[in-house]
Protein backbone atom coordinates (compact mmCIF):
# COMPACT_ATOMS: atom_id res chain seq x y z
CA MET A 1 -0.22 -0.14 0.57
CA ASN A 2 1.19 3.64 -0.71
CA ASN A 3 1.73 6.66 1.38
CA SER A 4 -1.07 8.71 0.50
CA LYS A 5 -3.31 4.84 1.38
CA THR A 6 -1.81 4.40 3.85
CA MET A 7 -2.54 8.38 5.66
CA LYS A 8 -6.13 8.17 3.81
CA ALA A 9 -6.31 4.90 5.80
CA ALA A 10 -5.22 5.72 9.28
CA LEU A 11 -6.94 8.94 9.60
CA ALA A 12 -10.62 7.41 8.41
CA ALA A 13 -9.88 5.37 11.95
CA ALA A 14 -8.60 8.51 13.66
CA VAL A 15 -11.94 10.59 13.37
CA THR A 16 -13.63 7.11 13.47
CA VAL A 17 -12.75 7.06 17.14
CA VAL A 18 -12.77 11.03 17.68
CA MET A 19 -16.64 10.35 16.43
CA MET A 20 -17.07 7.21 19.13
CA THR A 21 -15.97 8.54 22.01
CA GLY A 22 -18.08 12.13 21.24
CA GLY A 23 -15.75 14.23 20.72
CA SER A 24 -12.94 14.11 22.49
CA VAL A 25 -9.44 13.40 21.39
CA PHE A 26 -6.62 12.64 23.90
CA ALA A 27 -3.58 10.64 23.61
CA GLN A 28 -1.61 8.96 26.40
CA ALA A 29 1.71 10.20 26.29
CA LYS A 30 3.32 7.01 28.24
CA PRO A 31 2.01 4.30 30.73
CA GLY A 32 0.54 4.65 33.35
CA ALA A 33 0.12 8.96 32.52
CA THR A 34 -3.43 10.31 33.17
CA LEU A 35 -5.48 10.94 30.26
CA ASP A 36 -6.99 13.88 31.74
CA PRO A 37 -7.02 16.98 29.94
CA HIS A 38 -6.98 19.51 33.39
CA ALA A 39 -4.91 18.27 35.61
CA GLY A 40 -2.96 20.91 36.27
CA HIS A 41 -5.34 23.35 35.38
CA ASN A 42 -8.37 26.02 36.34
CA HIS A 43 -10.84 27.27 34.18
CA ALA A 44 -11.28 30.45 36.05
CA ALA A 45 -7.19 30.95 36.09
CA PRO A 46 -6.52 33.18 34.08
CA ALA A 47 -3.55 31.18 31.12
CA ALA A 48 -0.41 32.34 32.45
CA THR A 49 -1.31 31.19 35.84
CA GLY A 50 -1.85 27.31 34.49
CA GLY A 51 -5.93 27.75 33.30
CA HIS A 52 -7.73 27.62 29.92
CA ALA A 53 -9.04 31.93 31.33
CA HIS A 54 -12.38 30.69 30.23
CA GLY A 55 -13.56 33.35 33.17
CA ASP A 56 -14.68 33.04 35.80
CA ALA A 57 -17.54 30.69 37.48
CA LYS A 58 -21.30 31.54 36.84
CA ASP A 59 -23.35 28.53 38.88
CA LEU A 60 -26.57 27.70 37.26
CA GLY A 61 -27.88 25.98 40.46
CA THR A 62 -27.89 22.29 41.97
CA THR A 63 -30.95 19.29 41.16
CA THR A 64 -31.45 15.92 40.57
CA ILE A 65 -31.13 14.94 37.05
CA ALA A 66 -31.70 11.08 36.89
CA SER A 67 -30.97 10.47 40.28
CA LEU A 68 -28.16 11.93 40.42
CA LYS A 69 -28.00 15.67 42.85
CA VAL A 70 -25.01 17.57 40.30
CA ASN A 71 -24.52 21.47 40.38
CA VAL A 72 -23.75 23.43 37.22
CA SER A 73 -21.44 26.65 36.69
CA GLN A 74 -20.72 28.71 33.09
CA MET A 75 -17.77 29.39 32.64
CA GLY A 76 -16.93 32.91 31.60
CA ASP A 77 -19.69 34.75 28.61
CA VAL A 78 -22.01 32.84 25.83
CA ALA A 79 -22.23 34.02 23.19
CA ALA A 80 -24.09 33.36 19.68
CA GLY A 81 -22.23 31.70 17.11
CA GLY A 82 -19.16 30.86 19.64
CA HIS A 83 -18.64 28.37 22.14
CA GLY A 84 -19.48 27.56 25.50
CA VAL A 85 -17.74 25.87 28.78
CA PHE A 86 -19.69 24.70 31.39
CA GLU A 87 -18.86 21.96 34.11
CA ILE A 88 -21.02 19.42 35.77
CA THR A 89 -20.39 18.41 39.72
CA PRO A 90 -22.41 15.09 41.23
CA ALA A 91 -22.64 15.73 44.46
CA ALA A 92 -19.97 14.02 47.00
CA GLY A 93 -20.48 9.91 47.64
CA GLN A 94 -22.52 9.45 43.51
CA THR A 95 -22.46 6.38 41.71
CA ASP A 96 -21.62 7.61 37.48
CA PRO A 97 -23.15 7.85 35.14
CA LYS A 98 -23.02 6.50 31.85
CA ALA A 99 -22.89 9.60 30.29
CA VAL A 100 -24.00 13.31 30.76
CA ARG A 101 -24.57 15.59 27.69
CA VAL A 102 -25.46 19.30 27.36
CA TRP A 103 -26.41 21.42 24.78
CA VAL A 104 -27.32 25.15 23.69
CA GLY A 105 -30.39 26.21 22.28
CA ALA A 106 -33.96 24.18 22.75
CA GLU A 107 -34.69 21.68 25.07
CA ASN A 108 -35.68 19.34 21.74
CA GLY A 109 -31.92 20.53 20.65
CA VAL A 110 -33.49 21.17 16.47
CA GLY A 111 -30.68 23.22 15.77
CA SER A 112 -28.18 22.78 18.31
CA VAL A 113 -24.74 20.49 18.59
CA LYS A 114 -24.60 18.50 21.83
CA ALA A 115 -21.50 17.21 23.08
CA LYS A 116 -20.49 14.70 25.93
CA ALA A 117 -19.31 15.99 28.74
CA ALA A 118 -15.66 14.30 30.07
CA LYS A 119 -15.22 13.24 33.17
CA ALA A 120 -12.39 15.46 35.14
CA GLY A 121 -11.51 15.03 38.57
CA ASP A 122 -14.42 15.36 40.49
CA ALA A 123 -16.77 16.45 37.70
CA TYR A 124 -17.75 17.19 34.25
CA ASP A 125 -16.19 18.75 31.99
CA ALA A 126 -17.87 20.77 28.42
CA HIS A 127 -17.43 22.88 25.80
CA VAL A 128 -20.32 23.33 24.09
CA GLU A 129 -21.47 24.81 20.44
CA VAL A 130 -23.24 27.87 20.25
CA PRO A 131 -25.99 28.25 17.44
CA LYS A 132 -25.41 31.12 15.92
CA ALA A 133 -29.76 32.02 17.21
CA LEU A 134 -29.99 32.10 20.39
CA THR A 135 -33.07 33.27 21.76
CA PRO A 136 -35.15 34.43 25.09
CA GLU A 137 -36.04 30.95 25.58
CA SER A 138 -32.05 29.34 24.91
CA SER A 139 -30.45 27.57 27.70
CA LEU A 140 -28.30 24.91 28.88
CA TRP A 141 -29.58 21.58 29.35
CA VAL A 142 -28.43 19.24 30.79
CA GLU A 143 -28.93 15.40 29.91
CA VAL A 144 -27.76 12.36 32.58
CA GLU A 145 -27.74 8.45 31.62
CA PRO A 146 -27.91 6.88 34.68
CA ALA A 147 -25.71 3.63 35.33
CA THR A 148 -29.56 2.10 35.45
CA GLY A 149 -32.47 3.57 33.98
CA LYS A 150 -33.37 6.16 32.02
CA LYS A 151 -32.18 9.37 31.25
CA GLU A 152 -33.26 12.93 31.91
CA LYS A 153 -32.68 16.10 31.48
CA VAL A 154 -33.37 19.80 32.71
CA GLY A 155 -32.93 23.42 32.17
CA PHE A 156 -30.05 25.87 32.69
CA THR A 157 -30.84 29.75 32.19
CA LEU A 158 -27.63 31.22 31.01
CA LYS A 159 -25.89 34.31 32.52
CA GLN A 160 -24.81 37.03 30.99
């Protein structure tokens, strides 16, 4: 097989892996290395001090979704056509869910891109594409798929 075909096959395999993992790509530097993309930094801190500089955490509230008690924070501002960063922090001592998914927009998700939140320490971190048009009814929607049972979603009012 020539190099062009080999590269195309490798790229197709990589895209498949990205799609299967909900769009998250992490590389392991050496055996035993952590895959935590947030190790050593926080989203509120400026980049110069080890953060991502997403802005200050804005508390969106605490509630229970599919038997999982969570606190949700918006990191910085959310602008139409941009992206939003959110942290979903379960209360201590709870069973990890199968998945936490988020989107910004309408409850039904039409016109929005859903993202699977990545486990980062004790929280779930989500980077979400924001629709180009936000309405006054647009919210952050958090959907929890529990280890057992039916998935549920709850909307949170965005803060500017």
